[in-house]
């Protein structure tokens, strides 16, 4: 089973916290919204340390990081 970051969950948490992409980018220490937007849209991968910081911005602890992942279960090979 392969685990990937659930970008929809990241976006949903940002919206639920009433934050714009610009506000999250600033809290992450980035100068522009583009750095965050590229990650939320899957253009740039989210690093482990970035995920921890994002979780903190959204009000979660490191122990809660599992909510930001989804399991990719490969389809069985077809003959």
N, C-alpha and C. Protein backbone atom coordinates (compact mmCIF):
# COMPACT_ATOMS: atom_id res chain seq x y z
N UNK A 1 0.85 -1.19 0.00
CA UNK A 1 0.00 0.00 0.00
C UNK A 1 0.89 1.24 0.00
N UNK A 2 0.53 2.19 -0.80
CA UNK A 2 1.29 3.42 -0.95
C UNK A 2 0.50 4.57 -0.31
N UNK A 3 1.18 5.39 0.48
CA UNK A 3 0.52 6.53 1.12
C UNK A 3 0.97 7.82 0.45
N UNK A 4 0.01 8.68 0.16
CA UNK A 4 0.33 9.99 -0.41
C UNK A 4 -0.39 11.07 0.40
N UNK A 5 0.16 12.27 0.31
CA UNK A 5 -0.47 13.39 1.01
C UNK A 5 -1.78 13.73 0.30
N UNK A 6 -2.82 13.89 1.08
CA UNK A 6 -4.15 14.21 0.57
C UNK A 6 -4.25 15.73 0.40
N UNK A 7 -4.01 16.19 -0.82
CA UNK A 7 -4.01 17.63 -1.08
C UNK A 7 -5.38 18.25 -0.87
N UNK A 8 -6.44 17.48 -1.11
CA UNK A 8 -7.79 18.00 -0.84
C UNK A 8 -7.98 18.28 0.64
N UNK A 9 -7.39 17.42 1.49
CA UNK A 9 -7.49 17.62 2.94
C UNK A 9 -6.72 18.87 3.35
N UNK A 10 -5.55 19.07 2.75
CA UNK A 10 -4.76 20.28 3.04
C UNK A 10 -5.59 21.52 2.71
N UNK A 11 -6.19 21.53 1.53
CA UNK A 11 -6.99 22.68 1.11
C UNK A 11 -8.21 22.86 2.03
N UNK A 12 -8.87 21.75 2.37
CA UNK A 12 -10.04 21.81 3.24
C UNK A 12 -9.68 22.37 4.61
N UNK A 13 -8.54 21.97 5.14
CA UNK A 13 -8.10 22.48 6.45
C UNK A 13 -7.80 23.97 6.37
N UNK A 14 -7.19 24.40 5.27
CA UNK A 14 -6.91 25.83 5.10
C UNK A 14 -8.21 26.62 5.09
N UNK A 15 -9.18 26.14 4.33
CA UNK A 15 -10.47 26.83 4.23
C UNK A 15 -11.21 26.79 5.57
N UNK A 16 -11.17 25.64 6.24
CA UNK A 16 -11.84 25.51 7.55
C UNK A 16 -11.24 26.45 8.58
N UNK A 17 -9.95 26.77 8.43
CA UNK A 17 -9.29 27.69 9.34
C UNK A 17 -9.41 29.13 8.86
N UNK A 18 -10.22 29.36 7.82
CA UNK A 18 -10.48 30.69 7.28
C UNK A 18 -9.19 31.41 6.90
N UNK A 19 -8.29 30.66 6.24
CA UNK A 19 -7.01 31.22 5.81
C UNK A 19 -6.93 31.25 4.29
N UNK A 20 -6.32 32.30 3.77
CA UNK A 20 -6.06 32.36 2.34
C UNK A 20 -4.72 31.68 2.07
N UNK A 21 -4.46 31.37 0.81
CA UNK A 21 -3.16 30.80 0.45
C UNK A 21 -2.05 31.77 0.83
N UNK A 22 -2.28 33.05 0.67
CA UNK A 22 -1.30 34.07 1.00
C UNK A 22 -0.98 34.05 2.50
N UNK A 23 -2.02 33.93 3.33
CA UNK A 23 -1.80 33.90 4.78
C UNK A 23 -1.00 32.66 5.20
N UNK A 24 -1.32 31.52 4.61
CA UNK A 24 -0.58 30.29 4.94
C UNK A 24 0.87 30.44 4.50
N UNK A 25 1.09 30.97 3.31
CA UNK A 25 2.45 31.16 2.80
C UNK A 25 3.26 32.02 3.77
N UNK A 26 2.67 33.10 4.25
CA UNK A 26 3.37 33.98 5.19
C UNK A 26 3.69 33.26 6.49
N UNK A 27 2.75 32.48 7.00
CA UNK A 27 2.98 31.72 8.23
C UNK A 27 4.06 30.65 8.04
N UNK A 28 4.19 30.16 6.80
CA UNK A 28 5.22 29.18 6.50
C UNK A 28 6.59 29.85 6.34
N UNK A 29 6.60 31.17 6.25
CA UNK A 29 7.85 31.90 6.10
C UNK A 29 8.24 32.15 4.65
N UNK A 30 7.29 31.96 3.74
CA UNK A 30 7.54 32.19 2.32
C UNK A 30 7.11 33.59 1.95
N UNK A 31 7.81 34.18 1.00
CA UNK A 31 7.53 35.56 0.60
C UNK A 31 6.30 35.70 -0.28
N UNK A 32 5.97 34.64 -1.02
CA UNK A 32 4.85 34.74 -1.95
C UNK A 32 3.86 33.60 -1.77
N UNK A 33 2.65 33.84 -2.22
CA UNK A 33 1.59 32.83 -2.19
C UNK A 33 1.93 31.66 -3.09
N UNK A 34 2.66 31.94 -4.18
CA UNK A 34 2.95 30.91 -5.19
C UNK A 34 3.63 29.69 -4.58
N UNK A 35 4.53 29.90 -3.64
CA UNK A 35 5.23 28.77 -3.01
C UNK A 35 4.25 27.81 -2.35
N UNK A 36 3.25 28.36 -1.67
CA UNK A 36 2.24 27.51 -1.04
C UNK A 36 1.28 26.93 -2.09
N UNK A 37 0.82 27.76 -3.02
CA UNK A 37 -0.15 27.32 -4.03
C UNK A 37 0.39 26.14 -4.83
N UNK A 38 1.68 26.17 -5.16
CA UNK A 38 2.28 25.07 -5.91
C UNK A 38 2.22 23.77 -5.13
N UNK A 39 2.33 23.84 -3.82
CA UNK A 39 2.26 22.64 -2.99
C UNK A 39 0.81 22.16 -2.86
N UNK A 40 -0.11 23.08 -2.60
CA UNK A 40 -1.52 22.71 -2.45
C UNK A 40 -2.06 22.11 -3.75
N UNK A 41 -1.54 22.54 -4.88
CA UNK A 41 -2.00 22.04 -6.18
C UNK A 41 -1.19 20.87 -6.70
N UNK A 42 -0.22 20.39 -5.93
CA UNK A 42 0.53 19.20 -6.32
C UNK A 42 1.63 19.43 -7.33
N UNK A 43 1.96 20.67 -7.61
CA UNK A 43 3.03 20.96 -8.57
C UNK A 43 4.40 20.71 -7.92
N UNK A 44 4.50 21.07 -6.63
CA UNK A 44 5.71 20.85 -5.84
C UNK A 44 5.34 19.93 -4.69
N UNK A 45 6.18 18.94 -4.41
CA UNK A 45 5.92 18.02 -3.29
C UNK A 45 6.05 18.75 -1.96
N UNK A 46 5.24 18.34 -1.00
CA UNK A 46 5.31 18.89 0.35
C UNK A 46 6.31 18.06 1.15
N UNK A 47 7.33 18.71 1.66
CA UNK A 47 8.34 18.03 2.46
C UNK A 47 7.81 17.67 3.83
N UNK A 48 8.50 16.75 4.49
CA UNK A 48 8.06 16.30 5.83
C UNK A 48 8.01 17.45 6.82
N UNK A 49 9.05 18.28 6.85
CA UNK A 49 9.07 19.41 7.78
C UNK A 49 7.99 20.43 7.44
N UNK A 50 7.72 20.59 6.14
CA UNK A 50 6.65 21.50 5.72
C UNK A 50 5.29 20.98 6.17
N UNK A 51 5.09 19.67 6.07
CA UNK A 51 3.81 19.09 6.50
C UNK A 51 3.61 19.28 8.00
N UNK A 52 4.67 19.10 8.76
CA UNK A 52 4.57 19.31 10.21
C UNK A 52 4.19 20.75 10.51
N UNK A 53 4.80 21.69 9.81
CA UNK A 53 4.51 23.11 10.04
C UNK A 53 3.08 23.44 9.60
N UNK A 54 2.65 22.90 8.45
CA UNK A 54 1.28 23.12 8.00
C UNK A 54 0.27 22.59 9.02
N UNK A 55 0.53 21.38 9.51
CA UNK A 55 -0.37 20.79 10.51
C UNK A 55 -0.48 21.70 11.72
N UNK A 56 0.65 22.25 12.15
CA UNK A 56 0.66 23.16 13.30
C UNK A 56 -0.16 24.42 13.00
N UNK A 57 -0.01 24.97 11.81
CA UNK A 57 -0.79 26.15 11.41
C UNK A 57 -2.28 25.84 11.46
N UNK A 58 -2.65 24.62 11.09
CA UNK A 58 -4.06 24.22 11.08
C UNK A 58 -4.54 23.71 12.43
N UNK A 59 -3.66 23.75 13.45
CA UNK A 59 -4.07 23.40 14.81
C UNK A 59 -3.87 21.95 15.20
N UNK A 60 -3.00 21.23 14.48
CA UNK A 60 -2.75 19.83 14.78
C UNK A 60 -1.34 19.62 15.31
N UNK A 61 -1.16 18.54 16.06
CA UNK A 61 0.16 18.14 16.55
C UNK A 61 0.78 17.14 15.59
N UNK A 62 2.07 16.87 15.77
CA UNK A 62 2.77 15.88 14.93
C UNK A 62 2.07 14.53 14.97
N UNK A 63 1.49 14.19 16.11
CA UNK A 63 0.81 12.89 16.27
C UNK A 63 -0.43 12.77 15.38
N UNK A 64 -0.92 13.91 14.89
CA UNK A 64 -2.14 13.93 14.07
C UNK A 64 -1.86 13.89 12.57
N UNK A 65 -0.60 13.76 12.17
CA UNK A 65 -0.25 13.87 10.75
C UNK A 65 -0.95 12.86 9.86
N UNK A 66 -1.36 11.74 10.42
CA UNK A 66 -2.02 10.69 9.63
C UNK A 66 -3.25 11.17 8.89
N UNK A 67 -3.93 12.19 9.41
CA UNK A 67 -5.14 12.68 8.75
C UNK A 67 -4.85 13.32 7.40
N UNK A 68 -3.59 13.66 7.15
CA UNK A 68 -3.22 14.32 5.91
C UNK A 68 -2.77 13.34 4.83
N UNK A 69 -2.92 12.04 5.10
CA UNK A 69 -2.51 11.04 4.13
C UNK A 69 -3.70 10.23 3.66
N UNK A 70 -3.58 9.71 2.45
CA UNK A 70 -4.58 8.78 1.94
C UNK A 70 -3.82 7.57 1.40
N UNK A 71 -4.46 6.43 1.51
CA UNK A 71 -3.85 5.19 1.03
C UNK A 71 -4.19 5.00 -0.44
N UNK A 72 -3.17 4.70 -1.21
CA UNK A 72 -3.38 4.36 -2.62
C UNK A 72 -3.23 2.86 -2.74
N UNK A 73 -4.34 2.19 -2.89
CA UNK A 73 -4.32 0.74 -3.01
C UNK A 73 -4.30 0.39 -4.49
N UNK A 74 -3.22 -0.23 -4.94
CA UNK A 74 -3.15 -0.56 -6.37
C UNK A 74 -4.22 -1.58 -6.77
N UNK A 75 -4.72 -1.41 -7.99
CA UNK A 75 -5.70 -2.38 -8.50
C UNK A 75 -4.96 -3.70 -8.74
N UNK A 76 -5.67 -4.79 -8.56
CA UNK A 76 -5.08 -6.10 -8.84
C UNK A 76 -4.78 -6.19 -10.33
N UNK A 77 -3.69 -6.87 -10.61
CA UNK A 77 -3.34 -7.03 -12.02
C UNK A 77 -4.40 -7.85 -12.72
N UNK A 78 -4.73 -7.43 -13.91
CA UNK A 78 -5.75 -8.13 -14.68
C UNK A 78 -5.07 -9.02 -15.71
N UNK A 79 -5.57 -10.23 -15.87
CA UNK A 79 -4.99 -11.17 -16.84
C UNK A 79 -5.74 -11.13 -18.14
